[in-house]
N, C-alpha and C. Protein backbone atom coordinates (compact mmCIF):
# COMPACT_ATOMS: atom_id res chain seq x y z
N MET A 1 6.38 2.12 -15.64
CA MET A 1 5.59 3.26 -14.89
C MET A 1 4.00 2.92 -14.83
N GLY A 2 3.54 1.94 -15.60
CA GLY A 2 2.18 1.51 -15.65
C GLY A 2 1.69 0.96 -14.11
N PHE A 3 2.62 0.27 -13.45
CA PHE A 3 2.43 -0.30 -12.13
C PHE A 3 2.19 0.77 -11.16
N ALA A 4 3.15 1.71 -11.22
CA ALA A 4 3.12 2.81 -10.14
C ALA A 4 1.97 3.78 -10.38
N LYS A 5 1.47 3.87 -11.81
CA LYS A 5 0.24 4.60 -12.12
C LYS A 5 -0.84 3.98 -11.63
N PHE A 6 -1.12 2.69 -11.79
CA PHE A 6 -2.26 1.92 -11.10
C PHE A 6 -2.26 2.14 -9.76
N MET A 7 -1.10 1.88 -8.96
CA MET A 7 -1.09 1.95 -7.60
C MET A 7 -1.49 3.47 -6.91
N SER A 8 -1.20 4.36 -7.69
CA SER A 8 -1.48 5.74 -7.34
C SER A 8 -2.94 6.12 -7.64
N SER A 9 -3.52 5.32 -8.30
CA SER A 9 -4.99 5.55 -8.70
C SER A 9 -6.05 5.06 -7.43
N GLY A 10 -7.32 5.45 -7.73
CA GLY A 10 -8.06 5.24 -6.43
C GLY A 10 -8.27 3.69 -6.13
N LEU A 11 -8.40 2.91 -7.34
CA LEU A 11 -8.31 1.47 -7.20
C LEU A 11 -7.11 0.89 -6.52
N GLY A 12 -6.13 1.39 -6.89
CA GLY A 12 -4.59 0.80 -6.31
C GLY A 12 -4.72 1.20 -4.93
N ARG A 13 -5.24 2.43 -4.50
CA ARG A 13 -5.10 2.88 -3.10
C ARG A 13 -6.09 2.01 -2.31
N GLY A 14 -7.21 1.70 -2.95
CA GLY A 14 -8.15 0.82 -2.25
C GLY A 14 -7.63 -0.50 -1.96
N LEU A 15 -6.93 -1.09 -3.13
CA LEU A 15 -6.29 -2.29 -3.01
C LEU A 15 -5.28 -2.48 -1.86
N ARG A 16 -4.41 -1.34 -1.84
CA ARG A 16 -3.37 -1.39 -0.80
C ARG A 16 -4.05 -1.45 0.66
N ILE A 17 -5.16 -0.77 0.81
CA ILE A 17 -5.83 -0.86 2.08
C ILE A 17 -6.50 -2.22 2.42
N VAL A 18 -6.94 -2.70 1.51
CA VAL A 18 -7.60 -4.14 1.61
C VAL A 18 -6.37 -5.04 1.79
N VAL A 19 -5.38 -4.97 0.96
CA VAL A 19 -4.21 -6.14 1.24
C VAL A 19 -3.69 -5.87 2.64
N GLY A 20 -3.51 -4.49 3.15
CA GLY A 20 -2.92 -4.21 4.36
C GLY A 20 -3.73 -4.93 5.54
N LEU A 21 -5.08 -4.44 5.44
CA LEU A 21 -5.96 -5.19 6.39
C LEU A 21 -5.91 -6.60 6.39
N THR A 22 -5.94 -7.30 5.35
CA THR A 22 -5.97 -8.77 5.25
C THR A 22 -4.77 -9.39 5.86
N LEU A 23 -3.48 -8.75 5.76
CA LEU A 23 -2.33 -9.31 6.18
C LEU A 23 -2.37 -9.01 7.70
N ILE A 24 -2.75 -7.86 8.16
CA ILE A 24 -2.85 -7.71 9.56
C ILE A 24 -3.81 -8.66 10.49
N VAL A 25 -4.91 -8.94 9.53
CA VAL A 25 -5.89 -10.05 10.26
C VAL A 25 -5.35 -11.46 10.20
N ILE A 26 -4.75 -11.97 9.00
CA ILE A 26 -4.12 -13.16 9.00
C ILE A 26 -3.01 -13.23 9.95
N GLY A 27 -2.33 -12.21 10.15
CA GLY A 27 -1.03 -12.28 11.21
C GLY A 27 -1.43 -12.47 12.38
N LEU A 28 -2.52 -11.67 12.82
CA LEU A 28 -2.97 -11.55 14.23
C LEU A 28 -3.81 -12.81 14.72
N PHE A 29 -4.60 -13.25 13.62
CA PHE A 29 -5.73 -14.19 14.03
C PHE A 29 -5.45 -15.58 13.58
N SER A 30 -4.74 -15.76 12.47
CA SER A 30 -4.44 -17.09 11.84
C SER A 30 -2.87 -17.61 12.41
N VAL A 31 -1.93 -16.81 12.12
CA VAL A 31 -0.60 -17.10 12.36
C VAL A 31 -0.23 -17.17 13.70
N GLY A 32 -0.47 -16.00 14.53
CA GLY A 32 -0.08 -15.84 15.82
C GLY A 32 1.36 -15.90 16.22
N GLY A 33 1.70 -15.66 17.31
CA GLY A 33 3.08 -15.63 17.80
C GLY A 33 3.91 -14.55 17.05
N THR A 34 5.10 -14.73 17.15
CA THR A 34 5.88 -13.62 16.66
C THR A 34 5.89 -13.39 15.01
N GLY A 35 5.81 -14.77 14.34
CA GLY A 35 5.48 -14.59 12.98
C GLY A 35 4.29 -13.62 12.70
N GLY A 36 3.23 -13.99 13.42
CA GLY A 36 1.90 -13.32 13.08
C GLY A 36 2.17 -11.74 13.46
N ILE A 37 2.90 -11.40 14.39
CA ILE A 37 2.98 -9.92 14.71
C ILE A 37 3.89 -9.40 13.58
N ILE A 38 4.96 -10.07 13.09
CA ILE A 38 5.93 -9.55 11.96
C ILE A 38 4.96 -9.33 10.73
N LEU A 39 4.08 -10.21 10.58
CA LEU A 39 3.19 -10.29 9.35
C LEU A 39 2.17 -8.92 9.31
N ALA A 40 1.69 -8.76 10.73
CA ALA A 40 0.70 -7.70 11.02
C ALA A 40 1.65 -6.38 10.74
N ILE A 41 2.89 -6.13 11.06
CA ILE A 41 3.67 -5.21 10.87
C ILE A 41 3.93 -4.76 9.41
N VAL A 42 4.17 -5.95 8.71
CA VAL A 42 4.30 -5.78 7.27
C VAL A 42 3.03 -5.37 6.59
N GLY A 43 1.91 -5.80 7.05
CA GLY A 43 0.50 -5.44 6.66
C GLY A 43 0.26 -3.88 6.88
N ALA A 44 0.84 -3.40 7.80
CA ALA A 44 0.62 -1.95 8.25
C ALA A 44 1.04 -0.91 7.12
N VAL A 45 2.35 -1.55 6.42
CA VAL A 45 2.87 -0.58 5.45
C VAL A 45 2.12 -0.30 4.37
N PRO A 46 1.45 -1.29 3.76
CA PRO A 46 0.58 -0.65 2.47
C PRO A 46 -0.79 -0.24 3.08
N LEU A 47 -1.28 -0.63 4.34
CA LEU A 47 -2.50 -0.12 4.92
C LEU A 47 -2.36 1.49 5.11
N LEU A 48 -1.19 1.98 5.72
CA LEU A 48 -0.67 3.30 6.02
C LEU A 48 -0.49 4.08 4.79
N ALA A 49 0.09 3.39 3.78
CA ALA A 49 0.35 3.88 2.29
C ALA A 49 -0.82 4.30 1.68
N GLY A 50 -1.89 3.27 1.87
CA GLY A 50 -3.15 3.66 1.33
C GLY A 50 -4.03 4.90 1.93
N ILE A 51 -4.07 4.75 3.12
CA ILE A 51 -4.87 5.74 4.15
C ILE A 51 -4.03 7.14 3.70
N PHE A 52 -2.77 7.29 3.78
CA PHE A 52 -2.05 8.58 3.63
C PHE A 52 -1.92 8.88 2.03
N ASP A 53 -2.25 8.14 1.13
CA ASP A 53 -2.16 8.21 -0.34
C ASP A 53 -0.92 8.47 -0.62
N VAL A 54 0.10 7.71 -0.44
CA VAL A 54 1.44 7.75 -0.93
C VAL A 54 1.72 6.31 -1.64
N CYS A 55 2.42 6.29 -2.77
CA CYS A 55 2.78 5.16 -3.35
C CYS A 55 4.19 5.06 -3.14
N LEU A 56 4.71 4.13 -2.48
CA LEU A 56 6.04 3.90 -2.04
C LEU A 56 7.05 3.29 -3.23
N PHE A 57 6.38 2.73 -4.38
CA PHE A 57 7.06 2.11 -5.42
C PHE A 57 7.16 3.47 -6.54
N ALA A 58 6.33 4.42 -6.62
CA ALA A 58 6.49 5.25 -7.50
C ALA A 58 7.68 5.95 -7.80
N PRO A 59 8.43 6.45 -6.65
CA PRO A 59 9.83 6.94 -6.89
C PRO A 59 10.88 5.97 -7.49
N LEU A 60 10.69 4.67 -7.21
CA LEU A 60 11.66 3.82 -7.94
C LEU A 60 11.37 3.91 -9.37
N PHE A 61 10.07 4.35 -9.94
CA PHE A 61 10.09 4.31 -11.41
C PHE A 61 9.99 5.78 -11.84
N GLY A 62 10.58 6.78 -11.11
CA GLY A 62 10.42 7.92 -11.30
C GLY A 62 9.27 8.75 -11.35
N GLY A 63 8.37 8.40 -10.51
CA GLY A 63 7.07 9.10 -10.34
C GLY A 63 7.16 9.65 -8.90
N PRO A 64 6.24 10.55 -8.64
CA PRO A 64 6.10 11.30 -7.31
C PRO A 64 5.52 10.34 -6.21
N LEU A 65 5.83 10.62 -5.05
CA LEU A 65 5.65 9.82 -3.88
C LEU A 65 4.23 10.07 -3.52
N LYS A 66 3.54 11.25 -3.46
CA LYS A 66 2.26 11.52 -3.24
C LYS A 66 1.14 11.03 -4.43
N GLY A 67 0.11 10.26 -4.00
CA GLY A 67 -0.83 9.86 -5.09
C GLY A 67 -1.53 10.97 -5.74
N ALA A 68 -1.74 12.14 -5.05
CA ALA A 68 -2.57 13.23 -5.79
C ALA A 68 -1.65 13.67 -6.74
N GLU A 69 -0.26 13.96 -6.49
CA GLU A 69 0.63 14.39 -7.55
C GLU A 69 0.78 13.59 -8.70
N ALA A 70 0.71 12.10 -8.49
CA ALA A 70 1.02 11.10 -9.46
C ALA A 70 -0.44 11.14 -10.42
N ARG A 71 -1.56 11.45 -9.77
CA ARG A 71 -2.73 11.55 -10.49
C ARG A 71 -2.79 12.69 -11.53
N ALA A 72 -2.22 13.87 -10.85
CA ALA A 72 -2.34 15.23 -11.50
C ALA A 72 -1.43 15.08 -12.69
N LYS A 73 -0.19 14.46 -12.55
CA LYS A 73 0.74 14.42 -13.56
C LYS A 73 0.26 13.56 -14.78
N ALA A 74 -0.54 12.38 -14.49
CA ALA A 74 -1.09 11.49 -15.51
C ALA A 74 -2.14 12.08 -16.36
N GLN A 75 -2.73 13.08 -15.93
CA GLN A 75 -3.68 13.86 -16.72
C GLN A 75 -3.18 14.87 -17.80
C-alpha cells in the first residue's frame, strides 16, 4: 500500500504529470513514427491520471481510485 499511498500524494501526482509529459515529448520528438505515437499515447495515461487526480494502481492494492479519497483515508 506504500506505493499507492505515495502515488496518491501531491508529490506522486506531480511525478505522474512530469513522467507523462516526458514520455509524450520523447515519443513525438525523439522516436517519431508509429513507435513515437504509441509512446505518446502511453504517456497520456499518467499525464491524465495526474491531472484528474486518480491513482490507477491504488485499487489493485485495495485503495480508492480518487486521490483525494486516498489522502483522506491516510489521515
